[in-house]
Amino acid sequence: MAHNLVKKGHQLAIYDVQSAAAVKFEKLGAKIYPTPAELAKVSDRIITMLPASQHVRSAFTGSDGILR
């Protein structure tokens, strides 16, 4: 999805836990951020692409994603 957005001319700000995965987007013009918090400070909209619900909870709450 990110690749298609960049190809269509959209400006992207990206964070990835695997920083090597973000490098290819940086070469296409995306701005890479070191933490989700830094990315959120400069973002009007955030799109997540995460493998499972617990990862989404963790990304948005900063917790381990386990509901107690």
PDB file of N, CA and C in Angstrom:
ATOM      1  N   MET A   1       0.814  -1.179   0.000  1.00  0.00           N
ATOM      2  CA  MET A   1       0.000   0.000   0.000  1.00  0.00           C
ATOM      3  C   MET A   1       0.868   1.257   0.000  1.00  0.00           C
ATOM      4  N   ALA A   2       1.871   1.298   0.831  1.00  0.00           N
ATOM      5  CA  ALA A   2       2.737   2.476   0.905  1.00  0.00           C
ATOM      6  C   ALA A   2       3.423   2.731  -0.442  1.00  0.00           C
ATOM      7  N   HIS A   3       3.874   1.689  -1.067  1.00  0.00           N
ATOM      8  CA  HIS A   3       4.534   1.834  -2.368  1.00  0.00           C
ATOM      9  C   HIS A   3       3.577   2.442  -3.387  1.00  0.00           C
ATOM     10  N   ASN A   4       2.344   1.978  -3.418  1.00  0.00           N
ATOM     11  CA  ASN A   4       1.356   2.518  -4.353  1.00  0.00           C
ATOM     12  C   ASN A   4       1.058   3.980  -4.063  1.00  0.00           C
ATOM     13  N   LEU A   5       0.983   4.363  -2.800  1.00  0.00           N
ATOM     14  CA  LEU A   5       0.735   5.760  -2.458  1.00  0.00           C
ATOM     15  C   LEU A   5       1.874   6.659  -2.914  1.00  0.00           C
ATOM     16  N   VAL A   6       3.112   6.215  -2.699  1.00  0.00           N
ATOM     17  CA  VAL A   6       4.273   6.987  -3.143  1.00  0.00           C
ATOM     18  C   VAL A   6       4.281   7.103  -4.661  1.00  0.00           C
ATOM     19  N   LYS A   7       3.988   6.009  -5.350  1.00  0.00           N
ATOM     20  CA  LYS A   7       3.962   6.023  -6.820  1.00  0.00           C
ATOM     21  C   LYS A   7       2.926   7.012  -7.355  1.00  0.00           C
ATOM     22  N   LYS A   8       1.836   7.213  -6.629  1.00  0.00           N
ATOM     23  CA  LYS A   8       0.771   8.133  -7.047  1.00  0.00           C
ATOM     24  C   LYS A   8       1.060   9.579  -6.637  1.00  0.00           C
ATOM     25  N   GLY A   9       2.228   9.817  -6.033  1.00  0.00           N
ATOM     26  CA  GLY A   9       2.626  11.181  -5.706  1.00  0.00           C
ATOM     27  C   GLY A   9       2.281  11.664  -4.307  1.00  0.00           C
ATOM     28  N   HIS A  10       1.789  10.782  -3.452  1.00  0.00           N
ATOM     29  CA  HIS A  10       1.469  11.183  -2.086  1.00  0.00           C
ATOM     30  C   HIS A  10       2.732  11.265  -1.251  1.00  0.00           C
ATOM     31  N   GLN A  11       2.783  12.241  -0.357  1.00  0.00           N
ATOM     32  CA  GLN A  11       3.906  12.355   0.563  1.00  0.00           C
ATOM     33  C   GLN A  11       3.634  11.461   1.756  1.00  0.00           C
ATOM     34  N   LEU A  12       4.617  10.644   2.110  1.00  0.00           N
ATOM     35  CA  LEU A  12       4.444   9.728   3.230  1.00  0.00           C
ATOM     36  C   LEU A  12       5.458   9.995   4.327  1.00  0.00           C
ATOM     37  N   ALA A  13       5.011   9.821   5.556  1.00  0.00           N
ATOM     38  CA  ALA A  13       5.868   9.790   6.733  1.00  0.00           C
ATOM     39  C   ALA A  13       5.734   8.371   7.264  1.00  0.00           C
ATOM     40  N   ILE A  14       6.852   7.716   7.508  1.00  0.00           N
ATOM     41  CA  ILE A  14       6.829   6.282   7.803  1.00  0.00           C
ATOM     42  C   ILE A  14       7.621   5.960   9.068  1.00  0.00           C
ATOM     43  N   TYR A  15       7.061   5.023   9.838  1.00  0.00           N
ATOM     44  CA  TYR A  15       7.784   4.371  10.922  1.00  0.00           C
ATOM     45  C   TYR A  15       7.615   2.876  10.706  1.00  0.00           C
ATOM     46  N   ASP A  16       8.683   2.133  10.869  1.00  0.00           N
ATOM     47  CA  ASP A  16       8.611   0.671  10.779  1.00  0.00           C
ATOM     48  C   ASP A  16       9.532   0.094  11.842  1.00  0.00           C
ATOM     49  N   VAL A  17       9.075  -0.907  12.573  1.00  0.00           N
ATOM     50  CA  VAL A  17       9.922  -1.531  13.593  1.00  0.00           C
ATOM     51  C   VAL A  17      11.169  -2.136  12.969  1.00  0.00           C
ATOM     52  N   GLN A  18      11.070  -2.508  11.709  1.00  0.00           N
ATOM     53  CA  GLN A  18      12.235  -2.992  10.968  1.00  0.00           C
ATOM     54  C   GLN A  18      12.711  -1.843  10.081  1.00  0.00           C
ATOM     55  N   SER A  19      13.640  -1.055  10.606  1.00  0.00           N
ATOM     56  CA  SER A  19      14.058   0.163   9.910  1.00  0.00           C
ATOM     57  C   SER A  19      14.552  -0.103   8.492  1.00  0.00           C
ATOM     58  N   ALA A  20      15.106  -1.277   8.247  1.00  0.00           N
ATOM     59  CA  ALA A  20      15.570  -1.605   6.893  1.00  0.00           C
ATOM     60  C   ALA A  20      14.410  -1.633   5.896  1.00  0.00           C
ATOM     61  N   ALA A  21      13.228  -1.993   6.374  1.00  0.00           N
ATOM     62  CA  ALA A  21      12.060  -2.038   5.492  1.00  0.00           C
ATOM     63  C   ALA A  21      11.641  -0.646   5.049  1.00  0.00           C
ATOM     64  N   ALA A  22      11.913   0.353   5.862  1.00  0.00           N
ATOM     65  CA  ALA A  22      11.533   1.726   5.533  1.00  0.00           C
ATOM     66  C   ALA A  22      12.505   2.386   4.563  1.00  0.00           C
ATOM     67  N   VAL A  23      13.718   1.886   4.468  1.00  0.00           N
ATOM     68  CA  VAL A  23      14.751   2.510   3.639  1.00  0.00           C
ATOM     69  C   VAL A  23      14.321   2.617   2.184  1.00  0.00           C
ATOM     70  N   LYS A  24      13.662   1.599   1.647  1.00  0.00           N
ATOM     71  CA  LYS A  24      13.262   1.654   0.246  1.00  0.00           C
ATOM     72  C   LYS A  24      12.276   2.788  -0.005  1.00  0.00           C
ATOM     73  N   PHE A  25      11.446   3.123   0.999  1.00  0.00           N
ATOM     74  CA  PHE A  25      10.508   4.230   0.853  1.00  0.00           C
ATOM     75  C   PHE A  25      11.205   5.573   1.002  1.00  0.00           C
ATOM     76  N   GLU A  26      12.237   5.614   1.819  1.00  0.00           N
ATOM     77  CA  GLU A  26      13.024   6.836   1.953  1.00  0.00           C
ATOM     78  C   GLU A  26      13.672   7.187   0.612  1.00  0.00           C
ATOM     79  N   LYS A  27      14.136   6.168  -0.095  1.00  0.00           N
ATOM     80  CA  LYS A  27      14.734   6.386  -1.418  1.00  0.00           C
ATOM     81  C   LYS A  27      13.709   6.916  -2.420  1.00  0.00           C
ATOM     82  N   LEU A  28      12.414   6.649  -2.171  1.00  0.00           N
ATOM     83  CA  LEU A  28      11.346   7.133  -3.049  1.00  0.00           C
ATOM     84  C   LEU A  28      10.811   8.497  -2.614  1.00  0.00           C
ATOM     85  N   GLY A  29      11.363   9.035  -1.519  1.00  0.00           N
ATOM     86  CA  GLY A  29      10.966  10.359  -1.080  1.00  0.00           C
ATOM     87  C   GLY A  29      10.176  10.430   0.215  1.00  0.00           C
ATOM     88  N   ALA A  30       9.891   9.298   0.830  1.00  0.00           N
ATOM     89  CA  ALA A  30       9.162   9.303   2.098  1.00  0.00           C
ATOM     90  C   ALA A  30      10.084   9.774   3.215  1.00  0.00           C
ATOM     91  N   LYS A  31       9.509  10.393   4.230  1.00  0.00           N
ATOM     92  CA  LYS A  31      10.262  10.809   5.415  1.00  0.00           C
ATOM     93  C   LYS A  31      10.116   9.704   6.464  1.00  0.00           C
ATOM     94  N   ILE A  32      11.238   9.249   6.995  1.00  0.00           N
ATOM     95  CA  ILE A  32      11.254   8.165   7.967  1.00  0.00           C
ATOM     96  C   ILE A  32      11.395   8.761   9.370  1.00  0.00           C
ATOM     97  N   TYR A  33      10.605   8.254  10.318  1.00  0.00           N
ATOM     98  CA  TYR A  33      10.652   8.722  11.694  1.00  0.00           C
ATOM     99  C   TYR A  33      11.129   7.607  12.611  1.00  0.00           C
ATOM    100  N   PRO A  34      11.886   7.968  13.665  1.00  0.00           N
ATOM    101  CA  PRO A  34      12.483   6.954  14.543  1.00  0.00           C
ATOM    102  C   PRO A  34      11.510   6.298  15.513  1.00  0.00           C
ATOM    103  N   THR A  35      10.392   6.952  15.795  1.00  0.00           N
ATOM    104  CA  THR A  35       9.419   6.387  16.734  1.00  0.00           C
ATOM    105  C   THR A  35       8.006   6.704  16.260  1.00  0.00           C
ATOM    106  N   PRO A  36       7.024   5.909  16.686  1.00  0.00           N
ATOM    107  CA  PRO A  36       5.638   6.226  16.352  1.00  0.00           C
ATOM    108  C   PRO A  36       5.210   7.594  16.906  1.00  0.00           C
ATOM    109  N   ALA A  37       5.703   7.947  18.082  1.00  0.00           N
ATOM    110  CA  ALA A  37       5.340   9.230  18.692  1.00  0.00           C
ATOM    111  C   ALA A  37       5.825  10.406  17.841  1.00  0.00           C
ATOM    112  N   GLU A  38       7.036  10.322  17.327  1.00  0.00           N
ATOM    113  CA  GLU A  38       7.571  11.387  16.469  1.00  0.00           C
ATOM    114  C   GLU A  38       6.760  11.494  15.181  1.00  0.00           C
ATOM    115  N   LEU A  39       6.391  10.370  14.619  1.00  0.00           N
ATOM    116  CA  LEU A  39       5.564  10.353  13.413  1.00  0.00           C
ATOM    117  C   LEU A  39       4.203  10.992  13.680  1.00  0.00           C
ATOM    118  N   ALA A  40       3.597  10.643  14.801  1.00  0.00           N
ATOM    119  CA  ALA A  40       2.261  11.155  15.131  1.00  0.00           C
ATOM    120  C   ALA A  40       2.257  12.675  15.288  1.00  0.00           C
ATOM    121  N   LYS A  41       3.352  13.239  15.778  1.00  0.00           N
ATOM    122  CA  LYS A  41       3.433  14.692  15.978  1.00  0.00           C
ATOM    123  C   LYS A  41       3.281  15.472  14.676  1.00  0.00           C
ATOM    124  N   VAL A  42       3.659  14.882  13.551  1.00  0.00           N
ATOM    125  CA  VAL A  42       3.644  15.598  12.271  1.00  0.00           C
ATOM    126  C   VAL A  42       2.546  15.099  11.330  1.00  0.00           C
ATOM    127  N   SER A  43       1.657  14.256  11.830  1.00  0.00           N
ATOM    128  CA  SER A  43       0.680  13.598  10.961  1.00  0.00           C
ATOM    129  C   SER A  43      -0.738  14.098  11.180  1.00  0.00           C
ATOM    130  N   ASP A  44      -1.446  14.307  10.066  1.00  0.00           N
ATOM    131  CA  ASP A  44      -2.875  14.601  10.115  1.00  0.00           C
ATOM    132  C   ASP A  44      -3.688  13.320  10.071  1.00  0.00           C
ATOM    133  N   ARG A  45      -3.160  12.328   9.372  1.00  0.00           N
ATOM    134  CA  ARG A  45      -3.825  11.031   9.217  1.00  0.00           C
ATOM    135  C   ARG A  45      -2.787   9.937   9.404  1.00  0.00           C
ATOM    136  N   ILE A  46      -3.229   8.838   9.988  1.00  0.00           N
ATOM    137  CA  ILE A  46      -2.327   7.700  10.186  1.00  0.00           C
ATOM    138  C   ILE A  46      -2.999   6.449   9.654  1.00  0.00           C
ATOM    139  N   ILE A  47      -2.279   5.730   8.819  1.00  0.00           N
ATOM    140  CA  ILE A  47      -2.730   4.442   8.299  1.00  0.00           C
ATOM    141  C   ILE A  47      -1.801   3.390   8.884  1.00  0.00           C
ATOM    142  N   THR A  48      -2.379   2.376   9.491  1.00  0.00           N
ATOM    143  CA  THR A  48      -1.553   1.297  10.032  1.00  0.00           C
ATOM    144  C   THR A  48      -1.693   0.058   9.159  1.00  0.00           C
ATOM    145  N   MET A  49      -0.617  -0.678   9.065  1.00  0.00           N
ATOM    146  CA  MET A  49      -0.605  -1.973   8.382  1.00  0.00           C
ATOM    147  C   MET A  49       0.104  -2.938   9.309  1.00  0.00           C
ATOM    148  N   LEU A  50      -0.683  -3.592  10.138  1.00  0.00           N
ATOM    149  CA  LEU A  50      -0.150  -4.452  11.174  1.00  0.00           C
ATOM    150  C   LEU A  50      -0.754  -5.843  11.050  1.00  0.00           C
ATOM    151  N   PRO A  51      -0.008  -6.874  11.497  1.00  0.00           N
ATOM    152  CA  PRO A  51      -0.447  -8.245  11.255  1.00  0.00           C
ATOM    153  C   PRO A  51      -1.610  -8.752  12.101  1.00  0.00           C
ATOM    154  N   ALA A  52      -1.808  -8.203  13.302  1.00  0.00           N
ATOM    155  CA  ALA A  52      -2.855  -8.763  14.174  1.00  0.00           C
ATOM    156  C   ALA A  52      -3.368  -7.692  15.139  1.00  0.00           C
ATOM    157  N   SER A  53      -4.510  -7.972  15.743  1.00  0.00           N
ATOM    158  CA  SER A  53      -5.155  -7.013  16.647  1.00  0.00           C
ATOM    159  C   SER A  53      -4.256  -6.576  17.792  1.00  0.00           C
ATOM    160  N   GLN A  54      -3.510  -7.484  18.358  1.00  0.00           N
ATOM    161  CA  GLN A  54      -2.649  -7.103  19.477  1.00  0.00           C
ATOM    162  C   GLN A  54      -1.570  -6.102  19.049  1.00  0.00           C
ATOM    163  N   HIS A  55      -1.141  -6.183  17.810  1.00  0.00           N
ATOM    164  CA  HIS A  55      -0.163  -5.219  17.313  1.00  0.00           C
ATOM    165  C   HIS A  55      -0.793  -3.834  17.169  1.00  0.00           C
ATOM    166  N   VAL A  56      -2.039  -3.790  16.755  1.00  0.00           N
ATOM    167  CA  VAL A  56      -2.759  -2.517  16.636  1.00  0.00           C
ATOM    168  C   VAL A  56      -2.912  -1.895  18.021  1.00  0.00           C
ATOM    169  N   ARG A  57      -3.362  -2.684  19.002  1.00  0.00           N
ATOM    170  CA  ARG A  57      -3.504  -2.160  20.364  1.00  0.00           C
ATOM    171  C   ARG A  57      -2.174  -1.640  20.886  1.00  0.00           C
ATOM    172  N   SER A  58      -1.118  -2.365  20.658  1.00  0.00           N
ATOM    173  CA  SER A  58       0.200  -1.945  21.121  1.00  0.00           C
ATOM    174  C   SER A  58       0.630  -0.642  20.462  1.00  0.00           C
ATOM    175  N   ALA A  59       0.392  -0.519  19.169  1.00  0.00           N
ATOM    176  CA  ALA A  59       0.780   0.698  18.444  1.00  0.00           C
ATOM    177  C   ALA A  59       0.032   1.919  18.962  1.00  0.00           C
ATOM    178  N   PHE A  60      -1.246   1.755  19.297  1.00  0.00           N
ATOM    179  CA  PHE A  60      -2.044   2.896  19.722  1.00  0.00           C
ATOM    180  C   PHE A  60      -1.975   3.197  21.208  1.00  0.00           C
ATOM    181  N   THR A  61      -1.649   2.201  22.014  1.00  0.00           N
ATOM    182  CA  THR A  61      -1.632   2.418  23.457  1.00  0.00           C
ATOM    183  C   THR A  61      -0.229   2.417  24.058  1.00  0.00           C
ATOM    184  N   GLY A  62       0.735   1.890  23.321  1.00  0.00           N
ATOM    185  CA  GLY A  62       2.091   1.773  23.841  1.00  0.00           C
ATOM    186  C   GLY A  62       2.240   0.614  24.798  1.00  0.00           C
ATOM    187  N   SER A  63       1.204  -0.191  24.947  1.00  0.00           N
ATOM    188  CA  SER A  63       1.267  -1.338  25.861  1.00  0.00           C
ATOM    189  C   SER A  63       1.628  -2.602  25.091  1.00  0.00           C
ATOM    190  N   ASP A  64       1.601  -3.708  25.791  1.00  0.00           N
ATOM    191  CA  ASP A  64       1.911  -4.983  25.139  1.00  0.00           C
ATOM    192  C   ASP A  64       0.715  -5.508  24.339  1.00  0.00           C
ATOM    193  N   GLY A  65      -0.403  -4.780  24.391  1.00  0.00           N
ATOM    194  CA  GLY A  65      -1.562  -5.159  23.612  1.00  0.00           C
ATOM    195  C   GLY A  65      -2.466  -6.177  24.272  1.00  0.00           C
ATOM    196  N   ILE A  66      -2.117  -6.627  25.452  1.00  0.00           N
ATOM    197  CA  ILE A  66      -2.936  -7.613  26.145  1.00  0.00           C
ATOM    198  C   ILE A  66      -3.932  -6.878  27.045  1.00  0.00           C
ATOM    199  N   LEU A  67      -5.197  -7.117  26.837  1.00  0.00           N
ATOM    200  CA  LEU A  67      -6.222  -6.481  27.653  1.00  0.00           C
ATOM    201  C   LEU A  67      -6.363  -7.234  28.960  1.00  0.00           C
ATOM    202  N   ARG A  68      -6.331  -6.522  30.046  1.00  0.00           N
ATOM    203  CA  ARG A  68      -6.422  -7.148  31.371  1.00  0.00           C
ATOM    204  C   ARG A  68      -7.704  -6.745  32.044  1.00  0.00           C
TER     205      ARG A  68
END
